[in-house]
């Protein structure tokens, strides 16, 4: 899930040439505020994406381990 959001953001950044981003920063009244907002948006997006991806992978791993332990218990009980 996090990878898909990261890819979508990357495609959005690729479709906008870097010159327009520089023009946006140059024409803003508060240049450092604009840079800070862009930087925080990117950092927060990728940080949340990585967190969600890690959580999802952890839940999948726990679910797989639980199903394996139940299968082994069932086999041992029948034997």
PDB file of N, CA and C in Angstrom:
ATOM      1  N   UNK A   1       0.818  -1.178   0.000  1.00  0.00           N
ATOM      2  CA  UNK A   1       0.000   0.000   0.000  1.00  0.00           C
ATOM      3  C   UNK A   1       0.873   1.257   0.000  1.00  0.00           C
ATOM      4  N   UNK A   2       1.883   1.248   0.851  1.00  0.00           N
ATOM      5  CA  UNK A   2       2.784   2.393   0.891  1.00  0.00           C
ATOM      6  C   UNK A   2       3.562   2.552  -0.392  1.00  0.00           C
ATOM      7  N   UNK A   3       3.925   1.423  -1.013  1.00  0.00           N
ATOM      8  CA  UNK A   3       4.662   1.491  -2.279  1.00  0.00           C
ATOM      9  C   UNK A   3       3.798   2.118  -3.369  1.00  0.00           C
ATOM     10  N   UNK A   4       2.520   1.803  -3.392  1.00  0.00           N
ATOM     11  CA  UNK A   4       1.631   2.367  -4.412  1.00  0.00           C
ATOM     12  C   UNK A   4       1.502   3.877  -4.241  1.00  0.00           C
ATOM     13  N   UNK A   5       1.385   4.349  -3.004  1.00  0.00           N
ATOM     14  CA  UNK A   5       1.304   5.792  -2.779  1.00  0.00           C
ATOM     15  C   UNK A   5       2.615   6.479  -3.154  1.00  0.00           C
ATOM     16  N   UNK A   6       3.734   5.836  -2.846  1.00  0.00           N
ATOM     17  CA  UNK A   6       5.021   6.398  -3.218  1.00  0.00           C
ATOM     18  C   UNK A   6       5.201   6.488  -4.720  1.00  0.00           C
ATOM     19  N   UNK A   7       4.739   5.451  -5.439  1.00  0.00           N
ATOM     20  CA  UNK A   7       4.822   5.464  -6.900  1.00  0.00           C
ATOM     21  C   UNK A   7       3.944   6.571  -7.473  1.00  0.00           C
ATOM     22  N   UNK A   8       2.745   6.742  -6.930  1.00  0.00           N
ATOM     23  CA  UNK A   8       1.849   7.793  -7.418  1.00  0.00           C
ATOM     24  C   UNK A   8       2.472   9.178  -7.216  1.00  0.00           C
ATOM     25  N   UNK A   9       3.082   9.406  -6.068  1.00  0.00           N
ATOM     26  CA  UNK A   9       3.731  10.683  -5.824  1.00  0.00           C
ATOM     27  C   UNK A   9       4.925  10.876  -6.756  1.00  0.00           C
ATOM     28  N   UNK A  10       5.668   9.816  -6.997  1.00  0.00           N
ATOM     29  CA  UNK A  10       6.812   9.905  -7.897  1.00  0.00           C
ATOM     30  C   UNK A  10       6.369  10.258  -9.309  1.00  0.00           C
ATOM     31  N   UNK A  11       5.309   9.626  -9.805  1.00  0.00           N
ATOM     32  CA  UNK A  11       4.797   9.973 -11.132  1.00  0.00           C
ATOM     33  C   UNK A  11       4.335  11.428 -11.190  1.00  0.00           C
ATOM     34  N   UNK A  12       3.727  11.914 -10.124  1.00  0.00           N
ATOM     35  CA  UNK A  12       3.306  13.313 -10.096  1.00  0.00           C
ATOM     36  C   UNK A  12       4.506  14.251 -10.159  1.00  0.00           C
ATOM     37  N   UNK A  13       5.571  13.908  -9.455  1.00  0.00           N
ATOM     38  CA  UNK A  13       6.765  14.748  -9.480  1.00  0.00           C
ATOM     39  C   UNK A  13       7.472  14.686 -10.831  1.00  0.00           C
ATOM     40  N   UNK A  14       7.459  13.512 -11.474  1.00  0.00           N
ATOM     41  CA  UNK A  14       8.102  13.375 -12.782  1.00  0.00           C
ATOM     42  C   UNK A  14       7.341  14.174 -13.837  1.00  0.00           C
ATOM     43  N   UNK A  15       6.020  14.207 -13.746  1.00  0.00           N
ATOM     44  CA  UNK A  15       5.225  14.900 -14.757  1.00  0.00           C
ATOM     45  C   UNK A  15       5.352  16.420 -14.675  1.00  0.00           C
ATOM     46  N   UNK A  16       5.799  16.939 -13.541  1.00  0.00           N
ATOM     47  CA  UNK A  16       5.995  18.379 -13.388  1.00  0.00           C
ATOM     48  C   UNK A  16       7.496  18.656 -13.507  1.00  0.00           C
ATOM     49  N   UNK A  17       7.919  19.402 -14.538  1.00  0.00           N
ATOM     50  CA  UNK A  17       9.353  19.699 -14.674  1.00  0.00           C
ATOM     51  C   UNK A  17       9.880  20.477 -13.469  1.00  0.00           C
ATOM     52  N   UNK A  18      11.112  20.263 -13.152  1.00  0.00           N
ATOM     53  CA  UNK A  18      11.723  20.900 -11.980  1.00  0.00           C
ATOM     54  C   UNK A  18      11.750  22.418 -12.107  1.00  0.00           C
ATOM     55  N   UNK A  19      11.761  22.926 -13.308  1.00  0.00           N
ATOM     56  CA  UNK A  19      11.791  24.377 -13.508  1.00  0.00           C
ATOM     57  C   UNK A  19      10.529  25.025 -12.939  1.00  0.00           C
ATOM     58  N   UNK A  20       9.384  24.385 -13.106  1.00  0.00           N
ATOM     59  CA  UNK A  20       8.139  24.963 -12.593  1.00  0.00           C
ATOM     60  C   UNK A  20       8.107  24.977 -11.069  1.00  0.00           C
ATOM     61  N   UNK A  21       8.710  23.992 -10.466  1.00  0.00           N
ATOM     62  CA  UNK A  21       8.774  23.983  -9.007  1.00  0.00           C
ATOM     63  C   UNK A  21       9.683  25.120  -8.548  1.00  0.00           C
ATOM     64  N   UNK A  22      10.776  25.315  -9.251  1.00  0.00           N
ATOM     65  CA  UNK A  22      11.673  26.422  -8.907  1.00  0.00           C
ATOM     66  C   UNK A  22      10.979  27.768  -9.116  1.00  0.00           C
ATOM     67  N   UNK A  23      10.190  27.890 -10.193  1.00  0.00           N
ATOM     68  CA  UNK A  23       9.434  29.128 -10.423  1.00  0.00           C
ATOM     69  C   UNK A  23       8.409  29.368  -9.318  1.00  0.00           C
ATOM     70  N   UNK A  24       7.768  28.296  -8.876  1.00  0.00           N
ATOM     71  CA  UNK A  24       6.806  28.418  -7.783  1.00  0.00           C
ATOM     72  C   UNK A  24       7.488  28.954  -6.535  1.00  0.00           C
ATOM     73  N   UNK A  25       8.663  28.441  -6.245  1.00  0.00           N
ATOM     74  CA  UNK A  25       9.397  28.898  -5.062  1.00  0.00           C
ATOM     75  C   UNK A  25       9.862  30.343  -5.246  1.00  0.00           C
ATOM     76  N   UNK A  26      10.356  30.676  -6.450  1.00  0.00           N
ATOM     77  CA  UNK A  26      10.846  32.029  -6.705  1.00  0.00           C
ATOM     78  C   UNK A  26       9.741  33.082  -6.631  1.00  0.00           C
ATOM     79  N   UNK A  27       8.541  32.748  -7.071  1.00  0.00           N
ATOM     80  CA  UNK A  27       7.454  33.723  -7.114  1.00  0.00           C
ATOM     81  C   UNK A  27       6.635  33.773  -5.831  1.00  0.00           C
ATOM     82  N   UNK A  28       6.936  32.919  -4.895  1.00  0.00           N
ATOM     83  CA  UNK A  28       6.185  32.954  -3.641  1.00  0.00           C
ATOM     84  C   UNK A  28       6.693  34.107  -2.768  1.00  0.00           C
ATOM     85  N   UNK A  29       5.828  34.577  -1.905  1.00  0.00           N
ATOM     86  CA  UNK A  29       6.213  35.697  -1.038  1.00  0.00           C
ATOM     87  C   UNK A  29       7.188  35.237   0.044  1.00  0.00           C
ATOM     88  N   UNK A  30       6.978  34.049   0.538  1.00  0.00           N
ATOM     89  CA  UNK A  30       7.848  33.484   1.573  1.00  0.00           C
ATOM     90  C   UNK A  30       8.522  32.246   1.011  1.00  0.00           C
ATOM     91  N   UNK A  31       9.717  32.412   0.482  1.00  0.00           N
ATOM     92  CA  UNK A  31      10.404  31.294  -0.180  1.00  0.00           C
ATOM     93  C   UNK A  31      10.707  30.153   0.780  1.00  0.00           C
ATOM     94  N   UNK A  32      11.201  30.471   1.967  1.00  0.00           N
ATOM     95  CA  UNK A  32      11.573  29.401   2.898  1.00  0.00           C
ATOM     96  C   UNK A  32      10.342  28.647   3.399  1.00  0.00           C
ATOM     97  N   UNK A  33       9.234  29.335   3.514  1.00  0.00           N
ATOM     98  CA  UNK A  33       8.001  28.659   3.916  1.00  0.00           C
ATOM     99  C   UNK A  33       7.542  27.693   2.832  1.00  0.00           C
ATOM    100  N   UNK A  34       7.644  28.107   1.572  1.00  0.00           N
ATOM    101  CA  UNK A  34       7.260  27.235   0.461  1.00  0.00           C
ATOM    102  C   UNK A  34       8.154  26.011   0.404  1.00  0.00           C
ATOM    103  N   UNK A  35       9.453  26.216   0.542  1.00  0.00           N
ATOM    104  CA  UNK A  35      10.395  25.086   0.551  1.00  0.00           C
ATOM    105  C   UNK A  35      10.082  24.154   1.715  1.00  0.00           C
ATOM    106  N   UNK A  36       9.794  24.736   2.875  1.00  0.00           N
ATOM    107  CA  UNK A  36       9.491  23.936   4.066  1.00  0.00           C
ATOM    108  C   UNK A  36       8.217  23.112   3.871  1.00  0.00           C
ATOM    109  N   UNK A  37       7.199  23.702   3.277  1.00  0.00           N
ATOM    110  CA  UNK A  37       5.935  22.986   3.045  1.00  0.00           C
ATOM    111  C   UNK A  37       6.143  21.836   2.059  1.00  0.00           C
ATOM    112  N   UNK A  38       6.860  22.091   0.969  1.00  0.00           N
ATOM    113  CA  UNK A  38       7.132  21.022  -0.007  1.00  0.00           C
ATOM    114  C   UNK A  38       7.939  19.910   0.639  1.00  0.00           C
ATOM    115  N   UNK A  39       8.966  20.280   1.391  1.00  0.00           N
ATOM    116  CA  UNK A  39       9.814  19.284   2.047  1.00  0.00           C
ATOM    117  C   UNK A  39       9.022  18.461   3.063  1.00  0.00           C
ATOM    118  N   UNK A  40       8.220  19.121   3.891  1.00  0.00           N
ATOM    119  CA  UNK A  40       7.425  18.399   4.898  1.00  0.00           C
ATOM    120  C   UNK A  40       6.392  17.484   4.263  1.00  0.00           C
ATOM    121  N   UNK A  41       5.807  17.921   3.150  1.00  0.00           N
ATOM    122  CA  UNK A  41       4.830  17.084   2.457  1.00  0.00           C
ATOM    123  C   UNK A  41       5.473  15.799   1.961  1.00  0.00           C
ATOM    124  N   UNK A  42       6.638  15.923   1.330  1.00  0.00           N
ATOM    125  CA  UNK A  42       7.326  14.730   0.819  1.00  0.00           C
ATOM    126  C   UNK A  42       7.784  13.819   1.947  1.00  0.00           C
ATOM    127  N   UNK A  43       8.355  14.394   2.989  1.00  0.00           N
ATOM    128  CA  UNK A  43       8.846  13.589   4.107  1.00  0.00           C
ATOM    129  C   UNK A  43       7.691  12.871   4.798  1.00  0.00           C
ATOM    130  N   UNK A  44       6.597  13.574   5.051  1.00  0.00           N
ATOM    131  CA  UNK A  44       5.450  12.953   5.716  1.00  0.00           C
ATOM    132  C   UNK A  44       4.822  11.859   4.854  1.00  0.00           C
ATOM    133  N   UNK A  45       4.735  12.103   3.553  1.00  0.00           N
ATOM    134  CA  UNK A  45       4.127  11.109   2.664  1.00  0.00           C
ATOM    135  C   UNK A  45       4.928   9.826   2.654  1.00  0.00           C
ATOM    136  N   UNK A  46       6.218   9.928   2.442  1.00  0.00           N
ATOM    137  CA  UNK A  46       7.030   8.720   2.396  1.00  0.00           C
ATOM    138  C   UNK A  46       7.162   8.068   3.772  1.00  0.00           C
ATOM    139  N   UNK A  47       7.164   8.877   4.833  1.00  0.00           N
ATOM    140  CA  UNK A  47       7.228   8.305   6.178  1.00  0.00           C
ATOM    141  C   UNK A  47       5.981   7.504   6.523  1.00  0.00           C
ATOM    142  N   UNK A  48       4.824   8.058   6.213  1.00  0.00           N
ATOM    143  CA  UNK A  48       3.572   7.342   6.471  1.00  0.00           C
ATOM    144  C   UNK A  48       3.481   6.102   5.587  1.00  0.00           C
ATOM    145  N   UNK A  49       3.898   6.229   4.325  1.00  0.00           N
ATOM    146  CA  UNK A  49       3.879   5.075   3.419  1.00  0.00           C
ATOM    147  C   UNK A  49       4.752   3.949   3.941  1.00  0.00           C
ATOM    148  N   UNK A  50       5.930   4.273   4.393  1.00  0.00           N
ATOM    149  CA  UNK A  50       6.830   3.240   4.911  1.00  0.00           C
ATOM    150  C   UNK A  50       6.261   2.592   6.174  1.00  0.00           C
ATOM    151  N   UNK A  51       5.638   3.391   7.021  1.00  0.00           N
ATOM    152  CA  UNK A  51       5.027   2.860   8.239  1.00  0.00           C
ATOM    153  C   UNK A  51       3.880   1.905   7.912  1.00  0.00           C
ATOM    154  N   UNK A  52       3.016   2.319   6.995  1.00  0.00           N
ATOM    155  CA  UNK A  52       1.889   1.464   6.614  1.00  0.00           C
ATOM    156  C   UNK A  52       2.365   0.171   5.951  1.00  0.00           C
ATOM    157  N   UNK A  53       3.386   0.275   5.114  1.00  0.00           N
ATOM    158  CA  UNK A  53       3.915  -0.917   4.460  1.00  0.00           C
ATOM    159  C   UNK A  53       4.511  -1.867   5.487  1.00  0.00           C
ATOM    160  N   UNK A  54       5.277  -1.342   6.427  1.00  0.00           N
ATOM    161  CA  UNK A  54       5.862  -2.184   7.475  1.00  0.00           C
ATOM    162  C   UNK A  54       4.794  -2.845   8.322  1.00  0.00           C
ATOM    163  N   UNK A  55       3.758  -2.104   8.680  1.00  0.00           N
ATOM    164  CA  UNK A  55       2.669  -2.668   9.475  1.00  0.00           C
ATOM    165  C   UNK A  55       1.958  -3.776   8.709  1.00  0.00           C
ATOM    166  N   UNK A  56       1.709  -3.545   7.431  1.00  0.00           N
ATOM    167  CA  UNK A  56       1.032  -4.543   6.610  1.00  0.00           C
ATOM    168  C   UNK A  56       1.863  -5.817   6.484  1.00  0.00           C
ATOM    169  N   UNK A  57       3.153  -5.669   6.234  1.00  0.00           N
ATOM    170  CA  UNK A  57       4.019  -6.841   6.117  1.00  0.00           C
ATOM    171  C   UNK A  57       4.114  -7.596   7.436  1.00  0.00           C
ATOM    172  N   UNK A  58       4.143  -6.877   8.541  1.00  0.00           N
ATOM    173  CA  UNK A  58       4.171  -7.518   9.856  1.00  0.00           C
ATOM    174  C   UNK A  58       2.895  -8.313  10.108  1.00  0.00           C
ATOM    175  N   UNK A  59       1.746  -7.750   9.770  1.00  0.00           N
ATOM    176  CA  UNK A  59       0.477  -8.459   9.966  1.00  0.00           C
ATOM    177  C   UNK A  59       0.381  -9.692   9.064  1.00  0.00           C
ATOM    178  N   UNK A  60       0.859  -9.601   7.842  1.00  0.00           N
ATOM    179  CA  UNK A  60       0.846 -10.750   6.938  1.00  0.00           C
ATOM    180  C   UNK A  60       1.754 -11.845   7.474  1.00  0.00           C
ATOM    181  N   UNK A  61       2.923 -11.467   7.998  1.00  0.00           N
ATOM    182  CA  UNK A  61       3.861 -12.447   8.527  1.00  0.00           C
ATOM    183  C   UNK A  61       3.283 -13.140   9.760  1.00  0.00           C
ATOM    184  N   UNK A  62       2.649 -12.380  10.635  1.00  0.00           N
ATOM    185  CA  UNK A  62       2.041 -12.985  11.830  1.00  0.00           C
ATOM    186  C   UNK A  62       0.894 -13.924  11.458  1.00  0.00           C
ATOM    187  N   UNK A  63       0.092 -13.530  10.477  1.00  0.00           N
ATOM    188  CA  UNK A  63      -1.027 -14.364  10.045  1.00  0.00           C
ATOM    189  C   UNK A  63      -0.518 -15.668   9.443  1.00  0.00           C
ATOM    190  N   UNK A  64       0.542 -15.600   8.656  1.00  0.00           N
ATOM    191  CA  UNK A  64       1.114 -16.801   8.053  1.00  0.00           C
ATOM    192  C   UNK A  64       1.699 -17.714   9.119  1.00  0.00           C
ATOM    193  N   UNK A  65       2.385 -17.138  10.110  1.00  0.00           N
ATOM    194  CA  UNK A  65       2.965 -17.944  11.190  1.00  0.00           C
ATOM    195  C   UNK A  65       1.869 -18.603  12.022  1.00  0.00           C
ATOM    196  N   UNK A  66       0.772 -17.896  12.290  1.00  0.00           N
ATOM    197  CA  UNK A  66      -0.331 -18.472  13.056  1.00  0.00           C
ATOM    198  C   UNK A  66      -0.985 -19.623  12.310  1.00  0.00           C
ATOM    199  N   UNK A  67      -1.175 -19.474  11.017  1.00  0.00           N
ATOM    200  CA  UNK A  67      -1.818 -20.547  10.258  1.00  0.00           C
ATOM    201  C   UNK A  67      -0.907 -21.760  10.167  1.00  0.00           C
ATOM    202  N   UNK A  68       0.403 -21.552  10.104  1.00  0.00           N
ATOM    203  CA  UNK A  68       1.339 -22.686  10.097  1.00  0.00           C
ATOM    204  C   UNK A  68       1.315 -23.419  11.428  1.00  0.00           C
ATOM    205  N   UNK A  69       1.244 -22.686  12.544  1.00  0.00           N
ATOM    206  CA  UNK A  69       1.251 -23.343  13.851  1.00  0.00           C
ATOM    207  C   UNK A  69      -0.044 -24.127  14.072  1.00  0.00           C
ATOM    208  N   UNK A  70      -1.170 -23.618  13.577  1.00  0.00           N
ATOM    209  CA  UNK A  70      -2.431 -24.359  13.709  1.00  0.00           C
ATOM    210  C   UNK A  70      -2.393 -25.617  12.852  1.00  0.00           C
ATOM    211  N   UNK A  71      -1.800 -25.585  11.690  1.00  0.00           N
ATOM    212  CA  UNK A  71      -1.711 -26.751  10.831  1.00  0.00           C
ATOM    213  C   UNK A  71      -0.827 -27.804  11.463  1.00  0.00           C
ATOM    214  N   UNK A  72       0.300 -27.398  12.045  1.00  0.00           N
ATOM    215  CA  UNK A  72       1.181 -28.370  12.687  1.00  0.00           C
ATOM    216  C   UNK A  72       0.535 -28.988  13.913  1.00  0.00           C
ATOM    217  N   UNK A  73      -0.251 -28.222  14.672  1.00  0.00           N
ATOM    218  CA  UNK A  73      -0.941 -28.742  15.838  1.00  0.00           C
ATOM    219  C   UNK A  73      -2.002 -29.760  15.414  1.00  0.00           C
ATOM    220  N   UNK A  74      -2.739 -29.465  14.353  1.00  0.00           N
ATOM    221  CA  UNK A  74      -3.746 -30.394  13.856  1.00  0.00           C
ATOM    222  C   UNK A  74      -3.117 -31.697  13.393  1.00  0.00           C
ATOM    223  N   UNK A  75      -1.997 -31.619  12.724  1.00  0.00           N
ATOM    224  CA  UNK A  75      -1.317 -32.839  12.243  1.00  0.00           C
ATOM    225  C   UNK A  75      -0.792 -33.660  13.404  1.00  0.00           C
ATOM    226  N   UNK A  76      -0.256 -33.000  14.426  1.00  0.00           N
ATOM    227  CA  UNK A  76       0.284 -33.722  15.586  1.00  0.00           C
ATOM    228  C   UNK A  76      -0.829 -34.389  16.372  1.00  0.00           C
ATOM    229  N   UNK A  77      -1.977 -33.765  16.467  1.00  0.00           N
ATOM    230  CA  UNK A  77      -3.097 -34.328  17.213  1.00  0.00           C
ATOM    231  C   UNK A  77      -3.713 -35.524  16.529  1.00  0.00           C
ATOM    232  N   UNK A  78      -3.652 -35.558  15.217  1.00  0.00           N
ATOM    233  CA  UNK A  78      -4.253 -36.670  14.472  1.00  0.00           C
ATOM    234  C   UNK A  78      -3.361 -37.890  14.413  1.00  0.00           C
ATOM    235  N   UNK A  79      -2.065 -37.654  14.574  1.00  0.00           N
ATOM    236  CA  UNK A  79      -1.097 -38.751  14.402  1.00  0.00           C
ATOM    237  C   UNK A  79      -1.107 -39.691  15.508  1.00  0.00           C
TER     238      UNK A  79
END
